[in-house]
N, C-alpha and C. Protein backbone atom coordinates (compact mmCIF):
# COMPACT_ATOMS: atom_id res chain seq x y z
N UNK A 1 81.68 76.74 98.48
CA UNK A 1 81.73 77.17 97.35
C UNK A 1 83.41 76.27 96.61
N UNK A 2 83.72 75.63 97.69
CA UNK A 2 84.90 75.87 97.29
C UNK A 2 85.36 74.38 96.23
N UNK A 3 83.74 74.06 95.79
CA UNK A 3 84.02 72.87 94.87
C UNK A 3 83.90 73.96 93.39
N UNK A 4 83.64 75.53 93.95
CA UNK A 4 83.83 76.05 92.40
C UNK A 4 85.92 76.46 91.73
N UNK A 5 86.39 76.95 93.14
CA UNK A 5 87.91 76.77 92.79
C UNK A 5 88.49 75.74 92.47
N UNK A 6 87.63 74.12 92.92
CA UNK A 6 88.34 73.08 92.76
C UNK A 6 88.12 73.00 91.04
N UNK A 7 87.29 73.16 90.85
CA UNK A 7 86.37 72.80 89.87
C UNK A 7 86.22 73.45 88.56
N UNK A 8 85.64 74.75 88.49
CA UNK A 8 85.64 76.07 87.80
C UNK A 8 86.97 76.63 87.54
N UNK A 9 87.37 77.26 88.61
CA UNK A 9 88.33 78.12 88.34
C UNK A 9 89.65 77.58 88.76
N UNK A 10 90.22 76.68 88.20
CA UNK A 10 91.21 76.15 88.53
C UNK A 10 92.43 75.90 87.72
N UNK A 11 93.73 75.86 88.03
CA UNK A 11 94.71 75.36 87.27
C UNK A 11 94.81 76.75 85.81
N UNK A 12 94.71 76.25 84.70
CA UNK A 12 94.66 77.44 83.44
C UNK A 12 93.81 78.12 83.69
N UNK A 13 92.52 77.95 83.75
CA UNK A 13 91.53 78.83 84.08
C UNK A 13 91.60 80.27 85.21
N UNK A 14 92.84 79.89 86.14
CA UNK A 14 92.60 80.70 87.25
C UNK A 14 93.95 81.78 86.44
N UNK A 15 94.76 81.01 86.14
CA UNK A 15 95.85 81.58 85.52
C UNK A 15 95.47 82.78 84.08
N UNK A 16 94.44 82.25 83.69
CA UNK A 16 93.47 83.98 82.69
C UNK A 16 93.34 84.69 83.67
N UNK A 17 92.32 84.72 84.57
CA UNK A 17 92.14 85.61 85.74
C UNK A 17 93.38 86.65 86.20
N UNK A 18 94.16 86.09 85.95
CA UNK A 18 95.19 87.05 86.51
C UNK A 18 95.88 87.83 85.20
N UNK A 19 96.34 86.79 83.84
CA UNK A 19 96.20 87.44 82.84
C UNK A 19 95.73 88.70 81.99
N UNK A 20 94.32 88.52 82.59
CA UNK A 20 92.95 89.45 81.97
C UNK A 20 92.96 90.69 83.36
N UNK A 21 93.76 90.55 84.58
CA UNK A 21 94.06 92.18 85.17
C UNK A 21 94.07 92.97 84.69
N UNK A 22 93.49 94.29 85.24
CA UNK A 22 93.87 95.61 84.37
C UNK A 22 94.77 95.94 85.52
N UNK A 23 95.30 97.18 85.04
CA UNK A 23 96.31 98.10 86.13
C UNK A 23 96.54 98.00 86.95
N UNK A 24 95.11 98.19 87.81
CA UNK A 24 94.94 98.68 88.91
C UNK A 24 94.85 97.65 89.99
N UNK A 25 94.44 96.18 89.29
CA UNK A 25 94.06 95.08 90.06
C UNK A 25 95.77 94.72 89.77
N UNK A 26 96.60 94.77 88.76
CA UNK A 26 98.18 94.19 88.78
C UNK A 26 98.64 94.92 89.64
N UNK A 27 98.57 96.47 89.96
CA UNK A 27 99.48 96.69 91.25
C UNK A 27 99.55 96.18 92.52
N UNK A 28 97.39 96.05 92.50
CA UNK A 28 97.08 95.65 93.45
C UNK A 28 97.83 94.29 94.44
N UNK A 29 97.81 93.46 92.87
CA UNK A 29 98.53 91.66 93.54
C UNK A 29 99.53 92.11 93.60
N UNK A 30 100.04 92.89 92.67
CA UNK A 30 101.62 92.87 93.52
C UNK A 30 102.24 93.71 94.97
N UNK A 31 101.93 95.03 95.42
CA UNK A 31 101.51 95.60 96.64
C UNK A 31 101.50 93.73 98.13
N UNK A 32 100.46 93.04 97.36
CA UNK A 32 100.82 92.10 98.26
C UNK A 32 101.83 91.25 98.73
N UNK A 33 102.01 91.04 97.32
CA UNK A 33 103.30 90.38 97.37
C UNK A 33 104.88 90.81 98.38
N UNK A 34 104.38 91.97 97.89
CA UNK A 34 105.71 92.64 98.11
C UNK A 34 104.98 92.84 100.01
N UNK A 35 104.46 93.04 99.98
CA UNK A 35 104.12 93.31 101.56
C UNK A 35 104.46 91.79 102.13
N UNK A 36 104.14 90.93 101.78
CA UNK A 36 104.36 89.63 102.36
C UNK A 36 105.95 89.31 102.46
N UNK A 37 106.60 89.89 101.17
CA UNK A 37 108.13 89.53 101.14
C UNK A 37 109.04 90.63 102.16
N UNK A 38 108.47 91.11 102.64
CA UNK A 38 109.05 92.24 103.45
C UNK A 38 109.08 91.60 105.01
N UNK A 39 107.95 90.27 105.05
CA UNK A 39 108.31 89.77 106.22
C UNK A 39 109.39 88.85 106.75
N UNK A 40 109.69 88.12 104.98
CA UNK A 40 110.33 87.07 105.26
C UNK A 40 111.63 86.60 104.74
N UNK A 41 112.03 86.31 105.64
CA UNK A 41 114.02 86.09 105.84
C UNK A 41 114.58 85.17 105.04
N UNK A 42 115.77 85.53 104.85
CA UNK A 42 116.09 83.85 104.51
C UNK A 42 116.51 82.46 105.09
N UNK A 43 116.18 81.77 104.37
CA UNK A 43 115.94 80.50 105.56
C UNK A 43 114.96 80.18 105.58
N UNK A 44 113.78 80.79 105.98
CA UNK A 44 112.23 81.19 106.40
C UNK A 44 111.88 79.88 105.69
N UNK A 45 111.41 78.93 106.54
CA UNK A 45 109.97 77.87 106.43
C UNK A 45 108.86 78.54 106.26
N UNK A 46 108.35 78.54 104.77
CA UNK A 46 106.97 79.38 104.58
C UNK A 46 106.20 78.11 104.02
N UNK A 47 104.80 78.66 104.37
CA UNK A 47 103.90 78.06 103.89
C UNK A 47 102.74 79.06 103.87
N UNK A 48 101.99 78.45 102.41
CA UNK A 48 101.18 79.38 101.78
C UNK A 48 99.80 78.27 101.68
N UNK A 49 99.09 79.03 102.09
CA UNK A 49 97.64 78.77 102.21
C UNK A 49 96.83 79.01 100.83
N UNK A 50 96.18 77.93 100.04
CA UNK A 50 95.24 78.29 98.74
C UNK A 50 96.34 78.97 97.40
N UNK A 51 97.80 78.16 97.48
CA UNK A 51 98.51 78.94 96.32
C UNK A 51 98.23 78.33 95.13
N UNK A 52 97.23 77.24 95.16
CA UNK A 52 96.61 77.47 93.31
C UNK A 52 97.82 77.13 92.80
N UNK A 53 97.74 77.69 90.99
CA UNK A 53 99.50 76.99 90.68
C UNK A 53 100.68 77.43 91.12
N UNK A 54 100.80 78.51 91.30
CA UNK A 54 101.66 78.76 92.50
C UNK A 54 102.54 80.18 92.08
N UNK A 55 101.31 80.99 91.48
CA UNK A 55 101.59 82.38 91.19
C UNK A 55 102.72 83.16 92.41
N UNK A 56 102.44 82.74 93.62
CA UNK A 56 102.64 83.32 94.81
C UNK A 56 104.16 82.71 94.87
N UNK A 57 104.21 81.35 95.16
CA UNK A 57 105.01 80.66 95.80
C UNK A 57 106.09 80.69 94.95
N UNK A 58 106.28 80.81 93.62
CA UNK A 58 107.42 81.21 92.79
C UNK A 58 108.11 82.86 93.35
N UNK A 59 107.56 83.78 93.75
CA UNK A 59 107.93 84.57 94.66
C UNK A 59 108.50 84.44 96.38
N UNK A 60 108.04 83.45 96.62
CA UNK A 60 108.45 82.90 98.21
C UNK A 60 108.96 82.55 97.95
N UNK A 61 109.03 80.89 97.44
CA UNK A 61 110.85 80.63 97.00
C UNK A 61 112.11 81.52 96.91
N UNK A 62 111.93 82.69 96.15
CA UNK A 62 112.95 83.53 95.92
C UNK A 62 112.88 83.82 97.28
N UNK A 63 112.83 84.39 98.17
CA UNK A 63 112.69 84.58 99.51
C UNK A 63 113.46 84.03 100.62
N UNK A 64 112.83 82.92 100.70
CA UNK A 64 112.87 82.25 101.72
C UNK A 64 113.08 80.69 101.88
N UNK A 65 113.44 80.08 102.88
CA UNK A 65 114.95 78.76 102.52
C UNK A 65 113.98 77.54 101.68
N UNK A 66 112.29 77.65 102.32
CA UNK A 66 111.67 76.08 101.52
C UNK A 66 110.03 76.88 102.00
N UNK A 67 109.90 77.19 100.68
CA UNK A 67 108.42 77.25 100.22
C UNK A 67 107.11 75.92 100.01
N UNK A 68 106.60 76.15 100.64
CA UNK A 68 105.37 75.01 100.47
C UNK A 68 104.34 75.85 100.40
N UNK A 69 103.53 74.95 99.56
CA UNK A 69 101.39 75.36 99.03
C UNK A 69 101.18 74.26 99.26
N UNK A 70 99.42 74.79 99.70
CA UNK A 70 98.85 73.78 99.56
C UNK A 70 97.78 74.12 98.95
N UNK A 71 96.66 73.77 98.19
CA UNK A 71 95.40 74.06 97.97
C UNK A 71 94.62 72.86 97.61
N UNK A 72 93.64 72.88 97.67
CA UNK A 72 92.24 71.94 97.39
C UNK A 72 91.95 71.17 96.17
N UNK A 73 92.66 72.11 95.29
CA UNK A 73 92.45 72.09 93.66
C UNK A 73 93.62 70.74 93.45
N UNK A 74 93.51 69.66 92.90
CA UNK A 74 94.11 68.74 92.54
C UNK A 74 94.49 69.47 91.48
N UNK A 75 94.24 70.12 90.56
CA UNK A 75 94.63 70.29 88.94
C UNK A 75 95.61 71.30 88.99
N UNK A 76 95.50 72.22 90.11
CA UNK A 76 95.80 73.56 90.74
C UNK A 76 97.27 72.80 91.18
N UNK A 77 97.80 71.91 91.56
CA UNK A 77 98.74 71.95 92.30
C UNK A 77 99.52 71.08 91.12
N UNK A 78 98.53 70.39 90.58
CA UNK A 78 99.51 69.37 89.72
C UNK A 78 100.05 70.25 88.30
N UNK A 79 99.30 71.53 88.21
CA UNK A 79 100.33 72.38 87.49
C UNK A 79 101.26 73.45 88.01
N UNK A 80 101.14 73.29 89.06
CA UNK A 80 102.35 74.07 89.99
C UNK A 80 103.15 73.63 90.37
N UNK A 81 103.24 71.93 90.32
CA UNK A 81 104.41 71.28 90.34
C UNK A 81 105.15 71.30 88.98
N UNK A 82 104.49 71.18 87.49
CA UNK A 82 104.94 71.23 86.42
C UNK A 82 105.95 72.77 86.40
N UNK A 83 105.41 73.77 87.06
CA UNK A 83 105.55 75.28 86.45
C UNK A 83 106.92 75.53 87.64
N UNK A 84 106.62 75.01 88.44
CA UNK A 84 108.18 75.26 89.79
C UNK A 84 108.69 74.36 89.87
N UNK A 85 108.66 72.78 88.59
CA UNK A 85 109.76 71.84 88.80
C UNK A 85 111.19 71.97 88.96
N UNK A 86 111.29 73.47 88.43
CA UNK A 86 112.89 73.78 88.85
C UNK A 86 113.74 74.73 90.16
N UNK A 87 112.50 74.74 90.57
CA UNK A 87 112.81 75.26 92.50
C UNK A 87 112.88 74.39 93.03
N UNK A 88 114.21 73.83 93.58
CA UNK A 88 113.83 72.89 94.13
C UNK A 88 113.99 72.81 95.55
N UNK A 89 113.46 74.42 96.68
CA UNK A 89 113.11 74.46 98.01
C UNK A 89 111.31 75.21 97.41
N UNK A 90 111.08 73.90 96.44
CA UNK A 90 109.45 74.34 96.86
C UNK A 90 109.00 73.39 96.91
N UNK A 91 107.90 72.93 97.35
CA UNK A 91 106.82 71.84 97.35
C UNK A 91 105.35 72.00 97.44
N UNK A 92 104.71 71.13 97.22
CA UNK A 92 103.07 71.28 97.24
C UNK A 92 102.56 70.25 96.90
N UNK A 93 101.48 70.19 97.90
CA UNK A 93 100.68 68.60 98.46
C UNK A 93 98.88 69.57 98.24
N UNK A 94 98.21 68.90 97.74
CA UNK A 94 96.61 68.99 97.82
C UNK A 94 96.48 68.43 99.57
N UNK A 95 95.81 69.98 99.92
CA UNK A 95 95.36 69.71 101.31
C UNK A 95 94.41 70.75 101.64
N UNK A 96 93.58 70.31 102.88
CA UNK A 96 92.66 71.46 103.64
C UNK A 96 93.59 72.17 104.29
N UNK A 97 93.10 73.46 104.06
CA UNK A 97 93.40 74.55 104.83
C UNK A 97 93.18 74.54 106.13
N UNK A 98 91.97 73.87 106.40
CA UNK A 98 91.32 73.81 108.17
C UNK A 98 91.58 72.67 108.75
N UNK A 99 92.92 71.74 107.79
CA UNK A 99 93.37 70.19 108.49
C UNK A 99 94.40 70.02 107.88
N UNK A 100 95.51 70.73 108.55
CA UNK A 100 96.84 70.62 108.14
C UNK A 100 97.25 69.55 108.11
N UNK A 101 98.04 68.84 107.73
CA UNK A 101 98.88 67.22 107.83
C UNK A 101 100.43 68.09 107.93
N UNK A 102 100.75 69.18 109.25
CA UNK A 102 102.20 69.43 109.31
C UNK A 102 102.06 68.81 111.04
N UNK A 103 103.08 69.35 111.45
CA UNK A 103 102.99 68.98 112.94
C UNK A 103 103.24 70.77 113.66
N UNK A 104 103.06 70.80 114.51
CA UNK A 104 103.28 72.05 115.17
C UNK A 104 104.50 72.44 115.13
N UNK A 105 104.28 73.86 114.78
CA UNK A 105 105.63 74.97 114.64
C UNK A 105 106.17 74.35 114.02
N UNK A 106 105.77 74.02 112.60
CA UNK A 106 106.89 73.61 111.31
C UNK A 106 107.17 74.86 110.35
N UNK A 107 107.09 75.95 110.40
CA UNK A 107 106.92 76.68 109.53
C UNK A 107 107.22 78.33 110.63
N UNK A 108 108.57 78.87 110.14
CA UNK A 108 108.43 80.30 110.21
C UNK A 108 107.45 81.63 109.90
N UNK A 109 107.01 81.31 108.51
CA UNK A 109 105.62 81.76 108.27
C UNK A 109 104.61 81.08 107.64
N UNK A 110 103.55 81.60 107.50
CA UNK A 110 102.23 81.31 107.13
C UNK A 110 101.28 82.58 106.40
N UNK A 111 100.94 82.50 105.13
CA UNK A 111 100.75 83.48 104.15
C UNK A 111 99.32 82.83 103.69
N UNK A 112 97.99 83.59 104.05
CA UNK A 112 96.98 82.91 103.28
C UNK A 112 96.37 85.11 102.66
N UNK A 113 96.60 85.36 101.29
CA UNK A 113 96.71 86.57 100.57
C UNK A 113 95.50 86.79 99.55
N UNK A 114 95.16 87.23 99.49
CA UNK A 114 94.21 87.62 98.08
C UNK A 114 92.74 87.53 98.96
N UNK A 115 92.56 87.36 99.70
CA UNK A 115 90.93 87.00 100.24
C UNK A 115 90.72 85.73 100.29
N UNK A 116 92.04 84.76 100.55
CA UNK A 116 91.63 83.83 101.09
C UNK A 116 90.79 83.16 102.13
N UNK A 117 90.83 83.85 103.09
CA UNK A 117 90.16 83.99 104.35
C UNK A 117 88.63 84.17 103.82
N UNK A 118 88.07 84.42 103.21
CA UNK A 118 86.78 84.68 102.41
C UNK A 118 86.70 83.45 101.37
N UNK A 119 87.45 83.30 100.38
CA UNK A 119 87.13 82.26 99.16
C UNK A 119 86.73 81.22 99.69
N UNK A 120 87.90 80.49 100.28
CA UNK A 120 87.69 79.13 101.03
C UNK A 120 86.76 78.37 101.17
N UNK A 121 86.02 80.07 101.90
CA UNK A 121 84.52 78.73 102.80
C UNK A 121 84.06 78.37 103.26
N UNK A 122 85.23 78.21 104.73
CA UNK A 122 85.79 77.86 105.83
C UNK A 122 85.54 78.70 106.60
N UNK A 123 84.88 78.14 107.67
CA UNK A 123 85.51 78.91 109.57
C UNK A 123 86.46 78.93 109.71
N UNK A 124 86.45 80.38 109.77
CA UNK A 124 87.49 81.58 109.73
C UNK A 124 88.16 81.48 110.71
N UNK A 125 87.52 81.22 112.23
CA UNK A 125 88.36 80.98 113.37
C UNK A 125 89.38 79.98 113.19
N UNK A 126 88.60 78.87 112.59
CA UNK A 126 89.60 77.46 112.65
C UNK A 126 90.36 77.85 111.55
N UNK A 127 89.99 78.33 110.57
CA UNK A 127 91.74 78.60 109.47
C UNK A 127 92.86 79.15 110.45
N UNK A 128 92.28 80.40 110.94
CA UNK A 128 93.48 81.12 111.22
C UNK A 128 94.32 80.18 112.80
N UNK A 129 93.07 79.96 113.15
CA UNK A 129 93.51 78.68 114.67
C UNK A 129 95.05 77.53 113.88
N UNK A 130 94.28 76.94 112.83
CA UNK A 130 95.13 76.08 112.15
C UNK A 130 96.49 76.87 111.85
N UNK A 131 96.11 77.92 110.81
CA UNK A 131 97.67 78.91 110.69
C UNK A 131 98.71 78.64 111.63
N UNK A 132 98.17 79.59 112.95
CA UNK A 132 98.99 79.47 114.09
C UNK A 132 99.35 78.89 114.28
N UNK A 133 98.76 77.34 114.82
CA UNK A 133 99.10 75.87 115.21
C UNK A 133 100.32 75.59 114.50
N UNK A 134 100.84 75.69 113.45
CA UNK A 134 101.86 75.26 112.75
C UNK A 134 102.80 76.50 112.71
N UNK A 135 102.85 77.41 112.96
CA UNK A 135 103.73 78.78 113.14
C UNK A 135 104.30 78.68 114.45
N UNK A 136 105.67 78.82 114.25
CA UNK A 136 106.46 78.40 115.50
C UNK A 136 106.40 79.69 116.29
N UNK A 137 106.21 79.45 117.57
CA UNK A 137 106.40 80.98 118.60
C UNK A 137 107.24 82.23 118.01
N UNK A 138 106.58 82.88 118.22
CA UNK A 138 107.18 84.47 117.08
C UNK A 138 107.25 84.38 115.49
N UNK A 139 107.00 83.33 115.31
CA UNK A 139 106.45 83.56 113.58
C UNK A 139 105.47 84.24 113.28
N UNK A 140 105.32 84.24 112.36
CA UNK A 140 104.33 85.39 111.14
C UNK A 140 103.19 84.85 110.63
N UNK A 141 101.87 85.20 110.97
CA UNK A 141 101.42 84.47 110.14
C UNK A 141 100.72 86.05 109.59
N UNK A 142 100.02 85.63 108.30
CA UNK A 142 99.89 86.85 107.18
C UNK A 142 98.17 86.42 106.65
N UNK A 143 97.12 86.85 106.60
CA UNK A 143 96.13 87.14 105.76
C UNK A 143 95.71 88.25 105.46
N UNK A 144 95.02 88.26 104.34
CA UNK A 144 94.27 89.42 103.75
C UNK A 144 93.23 89.20 103.25
N UNK A 145 92.46 90.56 102.99
CA UNK A 145 91.50 90.71 102.14
C UNK A 145 91.52 92.04 101.47
N UNK A 146 90.55 91.84 100.65
CA UNK A 146 90.03 93.67 99.92
C UNK A 146 89.90 94.45 100.94
N UNK A 147 90.12 95.79 100.79
CA UNK A 147 90.36 97.07 101.43
C UNK A 147 89.05 97.40 100.89
N UNK A 148 87.97 98.16 101.84
CA UNK A 148 86.92 98.16 100.57
C UNK A 148 86.74 99.77 100.17
N UNK A 149 87.90 100.67 99.93
CA UNK A 149 88.02 101.36 98.92
C UNK A 149 88.65 101.13 97.45
N UNK A 150 88.52 100.06 97.51
CA UNK A 150 89.31 98.92 96.43
C UNK A 150 87.98 98.03 95.36
N UNK A 151 86.53 98.84 95.83
CA UNK A 151 85.52 98.12 95.53
C UNK A 151 85.46 98.02 93.58
N UNK A 152 85.60 99.31 93.12
CA UNK A 152 85.60 100.01 91.94
C UNK A 152 86.68 98.80 90.83
N UNK A 153 87.42 98.97 91.49
CA UNK A 153 88.45 97.93 90.41
C UNK A 153 88.56 96.14 90.58
N UNK A 154 88.19 95.98 91.66
CA UNK A 154 87.39 94.78 91.80
C UNK A 154 86.54 94.14 91.13
N UNK A 155 85.31 95.34 91.28
CA UNK A 155 84.53 95.08 90.42
C UNK A 155 84.46 95.05 88.98
N UNK A 156 85.82 96.05 88.59
CA UNK A 156 85.81 96.04 87.39
C UNK A 156 86.47 94.71 86.61
N UNK A 157 87.19 94.01 87.68
CA UNK A 157 87.85 92.52 87.49
C UNK A 157 86.90 91.22 87.89
N UNK A 158 86.12 91.19 88.46
CA UNK A 158 85.47 90.40 88.01
C UNK A 158 84.55 90.30 86.92
N UNK A 159 83.97 91.95 86.58
CA UNK A 159 83.55 92.03 85.25
C UNK A 159 83.86 91.09 83.99
N UNK A 160 85.28 91.52 84.10
CA UNK A 160 86.37 90.85 83.09
C UNK A 160 86.27 89.30 83.16
N UNK A 161 86.67 88.69 84.32
CA UNK A 161 86.20 87.44 84.47
C UNK A 161 85.25 86.65 83.96
N UNK A 162 83.80 87.76 84.22
CA UNK A 162 82.54 86.99 83.79
C UNK A 162 82.57 87.02 82.14
N UNK A 163 83.35 88.25 81.69
CA UNK A 163 83.23 88.19 80.15
C UNK A 163 83.73 87.54 79.30
N UNK A 164 84.78 86.80 80.12
CA UNK A 164 86.13 86.11 79.48
C UNK A 164 85.38 84.58 80.04
N UNK A 165 84.33 84.24 80.26
CA UNK A 165 83.33 82.63 80.39
C UNK A 165 84.67 81.91 81.77
N UNK A 166 85.41 82.81 82.57
CA UNK A 166 85.72 82.49 83.86
C UNK A 166 84.92 81.92 85.03
N UNK A 167 84.47 83.04 84.72
CA UNK A 167 82.82 83.24 85.92
C UNK A 167 81.55 83.28 85.14
N UNK A 168 80.75 82.78 86.14
CA UNK A 168 79.08 82.90 86.00
C UNK A 168 79.21 84.63 85.53
N UNK A 169 78.08 85.31 85.19
CA UNK A 169 77.25 86.56 84.77
C UNK A 169 77.14 86.85 86.52
N UNK A 170 77.42 88.28 86.56
CA UNK A 170 76.98 88.80 87.52
C UNK A 170 75.82 89.05 87.72
N UNK A 171 75.37 88.96 88.57
CA UNK A 171 74.33 89.20 89.92
C UNK A 171 73.72 90.79 90.01
N UNK A 172 73.53 91.59 89.21
CA UNK A 172 73.74 92.84 89.16
C UNK A 172 72.87 93.05 90.75
N UNK A 173 72.00 92.60 90.89
CA UNK A 173 70.94 93.10 92.05
C UNK A 173 71.62 92.87 93.55
N UNK A 174 72.56 91.58 93.33
CA UNK A 174 72.82 91.09 94.42
C UNK A 174 74.29 91.84 95.08
N UNK A 175 74.97 91.75 93.68
CA UNK A 175 76.08 92.71 94.09
C UNK A 175 76.60 93.80 94.29
N UNK A 176 76.84 93.96 95.56
CA UNK A 176 76.87 95.27 96.60
C UNK A 176 77.32 95.28 97.49
N UNK A 177 77.99 96.28 98.10
CA UNK A 177 78.57 96.50 99.56
C UNK A 177 79.55 95.11 100.15
N UNK A 178 80.38 95.34 99.02
CA UNK A 178 81.49 94.77 99.34
C UNK A 178 81.79 92.50 98.58
N UNK A 179 80.42 92.41 98.12
CA UNK A 179 79.73 91.50 97.79
C UNK A 179 79.12 91.59 96.84
N UNK A 180 79.93 90.16 96.04
CA UNK A 180 80.35 90.05 94.14
C UNK A 180 79.63 88.46 94.34
N UNK A 181 78.36 88.57 93.70
CA UNK A 181 77.66 87.34 93.28
C UNK A 181 77.65 87.13 92.10
N UNK A 182 77.86 85.86 91.55
CA UNK A 182 76.96 85.73 89.79
C UNK A 182 75.95 84.57 90.43
N UNK A 183 75.52 84.73 88.78
CA UNK A 183 74.23 83.46 88.79
C UNK A 183 74.84 82.45 88.68
N UNK A 184 75.79 81.85 88.30
CA UNK A 184 75.75 80.20 88.51
C UNK A 184 76.18 79.98 89.89
N UNK A 185 76.26 80.75 91.20
CA UNK A 185 76.41 80.20 92.70
C UNK A 185 77.76 80.86 93.32
N UNK A 186 78.45 81.72 92.40
CA UNK A 186 79.83 82.19 93.23
C UNK A 186 79.44 83.49 93.80
N UNK A 187 80.14 83.39 95.11
CA UNK A 187 80.04 84.60 95.80
C UNK A 187 81.36 85.12 96.48
N UNK A 188 81.85 85.73 96.63
CA UNK A 188 82.66 86.49 97.15
C UNK A 188 82.53 87.67 97.88
N UNK A 189 82.52 87.58 99.22
CA UNK A 189 82.94 88.62 100.45
C UNK A 189 84.36 89.24 100.89
N UNK A 190 84.30 89.82 101.59
CA UNK A 190 85.56 90.09 102.49
C UNK A 190 85.72 90.54 103.94
N UNK A 191 86.67 90.26 104.33
CA UNK A 191 86.61 90.61 106.35
C UNK A 191 87.08 91.75 106.31
N UNK A 192 86.53 92.77 107.21
CA UNK A 192 87.18 93.94 107.67
C UNK A 192 87.61 94.17 108.49
N UNK A 193 88.71 95.04 108.81
CA UNK A 193 89.06 95.25 109.87
C UNK A 193 88.65 94.72 111.17
N UNK A 194 87.37 94.77 111.57
CA UNK A 194 87.26 94.83 112.96
C UNK A 194 87.10 93.20 113.30
N UNK A 195 86.47 92.41 111.93
CA UNK A 195 86.46 91.52 111.53
C UNK A 195 87.91 90.56 112.75
N UNK A 196 88.56 90.94 111.75
CA UNK A 196 89.80 90.56 111.81
C UNK A 196 90.31 90.71 113.02
N UNK A 197 89.59 91.67 114.24
CA UNK A 197 90.45 91.71 115.19
C UNK A 197 89.52 91.09 116.17
N UNK A 198 88.14 90.96 115.93
CA UNK A 198 87.88 90.34 116.74
C UNK A 198 87.80 88.36 116.61
N UNK A 199 88.88 88.06 115.20
CA UNK A 199 89.13 86.70 115.26
C UNK A 199 90.27 86.92 115.99
N UNK A 200 91.25 87.58 115.69
CA UNK A 200 92.80 87.84 116.48
C UNK A 200 92.39 87.36 118.07
N UNK A 201 91.39 88.10 118.42
CA UNK A 201 91.04 88.43 120.03
C UNK A 201 90.27 86.78 120.69
N UNK A 202 89.77 86.05 119.31
CA UNK A 202 89.26 85.34 120.51
C UNK A 202 90.01 84.13 120.11
N UNK A 203 91.22 83.82 119.72
CA UNK A 203 92.15 83.21 119.16
C UNK A 203 93.38 83.09 120.43
N UNK A 204 93.32 84.81 121.08
CA UNK A 204 94.24 84.65 121.88
C UNK A 204 95.42 85.61 121.16
N UNK A 205 95.61 85.46 120.11
CA UNK A 205 96.75 86.01 119.36
C UNK A 205 96.46 87.46 118.83
N UNK A 206 97.75 87.83 119.31
CA UNK A 206 97.92 89.29 118.87
C UNK A 206 98.31 89.88 117.35
N UNK A 207 96.86 90.73 116.98
CA UNK A 207 97.24 90.93 115.36
C UNK A 207 97.58 92.38 115.20
N UNK A 208 98.22 92.89 114.09
CA UNK A 208 98.96 93.77 113.44
C UNK A 208 97.56 94.00 111.95
N UNK A 209 97.05 95.05 112.12
CA UNK A 209 95.97 95.31 111.31
C UNK A 209 96.51 96.72 110.37
N UNK A 210 96.80 96.17 109.45
CA UNK A 210 96.98 97.89 108.37
C UNK A 210 96.23 97.51 106.87
N UNK A 211 95.98 98.70 106.21
CA UNK A 211 95.45 98.77 105.12
C UNK A 211 96.51 98.89 104.10
N UNK A 212 97.03 98.25 103.11
CA UNK A 212 98.15 97.90 101.80
C UNK A 212 97.72 99.00 100.55
N UNK A 213 98.40 99.33 99.98
CA UNK A 213 98.19 100.18 98.55
C UNK A 213 96.82 100.67 98.40
N UNK A 214 95.80 100.65 99.46
CA UNK A 214 94.42 101.49 99.22
C UNK A 214 93.52 99.73 99.07
N UNK A 215 94.05 99.04 98.83
CA UNK A 215 93.40 97.85 98.16
C UNK A 215 93.24 96.71 99.06
N UNK A 216 93.84 96.43 100.10
CA UNK A 216 94.12 94.85 100.67
C UNK A 216 93.97 95.40 102.22
N UNK A 217 93.76 95.21 103.21
CA UNK A 217 93.31 94.81 104.48
C UNK A 217 94.57 93.80 104.90
N UNK A 218 95.31 93.77 105.32
CA UNK A 218 96.21 92.92 105.95
C UNK A 218 95.96 92.96 107.72
N UNK A 219 96.36 91.72 108.10
CA UNK A 219 95.71 91.03 109.61
C UNK A 219 96.59 90.30 109.61
N UNK A 220 98.51 90.69 110.65
CA UNK A 220 99.55 90.00 110.69
C UNK A 220 98.94 89.25 112.17
N UNK A 221 99.26 87.82 112.18
CA UNK A 221 99.04 87.55 113.62
C UNK A 221 100.69 87.06 114.06
N UNK A 222 100.73 87.00 115.20
CA UNK A 222 101.57 86.18 116.51
C UNK A 222 100.79 85.89 117.23
N UNK A 223 101.76 84.66 118.06
CA UNK A 223 100.86 84.24 118.77
C UNK A 223 101.21 84.59 120.43
N UNK A 224 100.14 85.03 121.28
CA UNK A 224 100.23 85.96 122.42
C UNK A 224 101.24 85.24 123.39
């Protein structure tokens, strides 16, 4: 499904998804950003995986020394470069999150939130391993997914996106148990605490896993 975000849910269409978000979803989105910002120090070099048009990157730039964002969508990156052109400490690039063109230990923090670990549709262990590779020793890597208790609000948001033509019509028979399926091929899953823990163990990394705002499951990784 990477092509879905590259072709159908990128740039302006992606921004519309956030513009129509209901209040509970807006609270979730802000809670994620605040959780990340609390772990960023002035002067930090921060990398965001799946930055889209720069919605979160803008906030990171205000807290860090250098904020870098990568995404597979050229359209989203182009829009982000326009939106963030006044911020000299931001840089954006079209790049695959599992094949990062950065040297080891290039960043103090790597961030991949709002369920990017599922949405990217890549090997999750490779994704987390690559994030750890480019993070300095004792730096922080943050991944998040949706909390199980956020299902009703999440489903409402996706229904709104479908109603606005941003996603395909939801497949009601197959949309359940944390998985959202659309009739045009879109499919959104989640990663729970147990899977996060297993992934961290397989990579030899330390992990702190916690629920935030009743809406997100965060996995904070550091090299063991």
